[in-house]
């Protein structure tokens, strides 16, 4: 299981989201991703977007790839994200 600390920037009201994320696993290795979404908001629930794997530390060092993801909002303040990735 990975834990993600997320920083998000809303570029236009209700339409664009740019997020940098660092996932740290139980061994301390980190995976770095940048996510972009142009649909959905917290108000209306969810949306889908693209995520780029841009590197990491330890076993993730040098990893790159592309993913699609979808977000579903649960009872506040929780959400779930599912993604499908291809690594290089």
C-alpha atoms as a PDB file:
ATOM      1  CA  UNK A   1       0.000   0.000   0.000  1.00  0.00           C
ATOM      2  CA  UNK A   2       1.241   3.458  -0.885  1.00  0.00           C
ATOM      3  CA  UNK A   3       0.499   6.618   1.031  1.00  0.00           C
ATOM      4  CA  UNK A   4       0.214   9.785  -1.019  1.00  0.00           C
ATOM      5  CA  UNK A   5       0.816  13.348   0.086  1.00  0.00           C
ATOM      6  CA  UNK A   6      -0.929  15.523  -2.495  1.00  0.00           C
ATOM      7  CA  UNK A   7      -0.581  19.161  -3.464  1.00  0.00           C
ATOM      8  CA  UNK A   8      -3.214  20.298  -5.959  1.00  0.00           C
ATOM      9  CA  UNK A   9      -3.609  23.482  -7.991  1.00  0.00           C
ATOM     10  CA  UNK A  10      -6.974  24.357  -9.493  1.00  0.00           C
ATOM     11  CA  UNK A  11      -6.226  26.193 -12.734  1.00  0.00           C
ATOM     12  CA  UNK A  12      -9.751  27.188 -13.766  1.00  0.00           C
ATOM     13  CA  UNK A  13     -12.920  26.967 -11.673  1.00  0.00           C
ATOM     14  CA  UNK A  14     -14.404  23.465 -11.879  1.00  0.00           C
ATOM     15  CA  UNK A  15     -12.413  22.343 -14.929  1.00  0.00           C
ATOM     16  CA  UNK A  16      -8.681  21.852 -14.464  1.00  0.00           C
ATOM     17  CA  UNK A  17      -6.601  20.293 -11.720  1.00  0.00           C
ATOM     18  CA  UNK A  18      -2.820  19.908 -11.661  1.00  0.00           C
ATOM     19  CA  UNK A  19      -1.377  17.826  -8.827  1.00  0.00           C
ATOM     20  CA  UNK A  20       2.133  16.742  -7.860  1.00  0.00           C
ATOM     21  CA  UNK A  21       2.238  13.664  -5.670  1.00  0.00           C
ATOM     22  CA  UNK A  22       4.914  11.729  -3.837  1.00  0.00           C
ATOM     23  CA  UNK A  23       3.937   8.183  -2.812  1.00  0.00           C
ATOM     24  CA  UNK A  24       6.000   6.512  -0.099  1.00  0.00           C
ATOM     25  CA  UNK A  25       5.741   2.763   0.430  1.00  0.00           C
ATOM     26  CA  UNK A  26       6.360   0.810   3.638  1.00  0.00           C
ATOM     27  CA  UNK A  27      10.093   0.431   2.842  1.00  0.00           C
ATOM     28  CA  UNK A  28      10.520   4.218   2.450  1.00  0.00           C
ATOM     29  CA  UNK A  29      10.952   4.212  -1.343  1.00  0.00           C
ATOM     30  CA  UNK A  30       9.110   7.033  -3.122  1.00  0.00           C
ATOM     31  CA  UNK A  31       7.347   7.310  -6.488  1.00  0.00           C
ATOM     32  CA  UNK A  32       6.798  10.765  -8.006  1.00  0.00           C
ATOM     33  CA  UNK A  33       3.814  11.526 -10.253  1.00  0.00           C
ATOM     34  CA  UNK A  34       2.117  14.532 -11.855  1.00  0.00           C
ATOM     35  CA  UNK A  35      -1.649  14.304 -12.411  1.00  0.00           C
ATOM     36  CA  UNK A  36      -3.834  16.439 -14.643  1.00  0.00           C
ATOM     37  CA  UNK A  37      -7.625  16.414 -14.753  1.00  0.00           C
ATOM     38  CA  UNK A  38      -9.996  18.505 -16.838  1.00  0.00           C
ATOM     39  CA  UNK A  39     -13.339  17.150 -15.611  1.00  0.00           C
ATOM     40  CA  UNK A  40     -15.183  16.733 -12.342  1.00  0.00           C
ATOM     41  CA  UNK A  41     -14.987  18.614  -9.064  1.00  0.00           C
ATOM     42  CA  UNK A  42     -15.437  17.883  -5.386  1.00  0.00           C
ATOM     43  CA  UNK A  43     -18.865  19.513  -5.640  1.00  0.00           C
ATOM     44  CA  UNK A  44     -20.225  17.252  -8.384  1.00  0.00           C
ATOM     45  CA  UNK A  45     -18.065  14.226  -7.639  1.00  0.00           C
ATOM     46  CA  UNK A  46     -15.094  12.655  -9.286  1.00  0.00           C
ATOM     47  CA  UNK A  47     -13.713  12.892 -12.763  1.00  0.00           C
ATOM     48  CA  UNK A  48     -10.984  11.273 -14.832  1.00  0.00           C
ATOM     49  CA  UNK A  49      -7.554  12.397 -15.938  1.00  0.00           C
ATOM     50  CA  UNK A  50      -3.990  11.479 -16.860  1.00  0.00           C
ATOM     51  CA  UNK A  51      -1.029  10.848 -14.589  1.00  0.00           C
ATOM     52  CA  UNK A  52       2.662  10.779 -15.517  1.00  0.00           C
ATOM     53  CA  UNK A  53       5.198   8.786 -13.490  1.00  0.00           C
ATOM     54  CA  UNK A  54       8.312  10.980 -13.453  1.00  0.00           C
ATOM     55  CA  UNK A  55      10.732   8.980 -11.290  1.00  0.00           C
ATOM     56  CA  UNK A  56      11.383   8.008  -7.729  1.00  0.00           C
ATOM     57  CA  UNK A  57      13.837   6.644  -5.199  1.00  0.00           C
ATOM     58  CA  UNK A  58      14.993   3.107  -4.420  1.00  0.00           C
ATOM     59  CA  UNK A  59      13.113   0.495  -6.454  1.00  0.00           C
ATOM     60  CA  UNK A  60      11.277   3.306  -8.306  1.00  0.00           C
ATOM     61  CA  UNK A  61      14.479   5.087  -9.391  1.00  0.00           C
ATOM     62  CA  UNK A  62      14.402   5.870 -13.118  1.00  0.00           C
ATOM     63  CA  UNK A  63      10.800   4.679 -13.535  1.00  0.00           C
ATOM     64  CA  UNK A  64       8.637   6.634 -15.986  1.00  0.00           C
ATOM     65  CA  UNK A  65       5.239   5.967 -17.449  1.00  0.00           C
ATOM     66  CA  UNK A  66       1.729   7.140 -18.198  1.00  0.00           C
ATOM     67  CA  UNK A  67      -1.574   6.347 -16.514  1.00  0.00           C
ATOM     68  CA  UNK A  68      -5.240   7.113 -16.757  1.00  0.00           C
ATOM     69  CA  UNK A  69      -7.149   7.523 -13.519  1.00  0.00           C
ATOM     70  CA  UNK A  70     -10.612   8.173 -12.160  1.00  0.00           C
ATOM     71  CA  UNK A  71     -11.681   9.739  -8.876  1.00  0.00           C
ATOM     72  CA  UNK A  72     -14.823   8.989  -6.882  1.00  0.00           C
ATOM     73  CA  UNK A  73     -15.773  11.129  -3.890  1.00  0.00           C
ATOM     74  CA  UNK A  74     -17.006   9.306  -0.808  1.00  0.00           C
ATOM     75  CA  UNK A  75     -18.406  10.757   2.400  1.00  0.00           C
ATOM     76  CA  UNK A  76     -16.461  13.931   3.203  1.00  0.00           C
ATOM     77  CA  UNK A  77     -13.450  14.173   3.423  1.00  0.00           C
ATOM     78  CA  UNK A  78     -12.683  10.813   1.756  1.00  0.00           C
ATOM     79  CA  UNK A  79     -12.145   9.879  -1.888  1.00  0.00           C
ATOM     80  CA  UNK A  80     -10.875   6.899  -3.849  1.00  0.00           C
ATOM     81  CA  UNK A  81      -8.712   6.825  -6.961  1.00  0.00           C
ATOM     82  CA  UNK A  82      -8.221   4.005  -9.455  1.00  0.00           C
ATOM     83  CA  UNK A  83      -5.565   4.057 -12.153  1.00  0.00           C
ATOM     84  CA  UNK A  84      -4.164   1.970 -14.985  1.00  0.00           C
ATOM     85  CA  UNK A  85      -0.491   2.567 -15.810  1.00  0.00           C
ATOM     86  CA  UNK A  86       2.077   1.613 -18.431  1.00  0.00           C
ATOM     87  CA  UNK A  87       5.695   1.969 -17.314  1.00  0.00           C
ATOM     88  CA  UNK A  88       8.729   2.558 -19.503  1.00  0.00           C
END
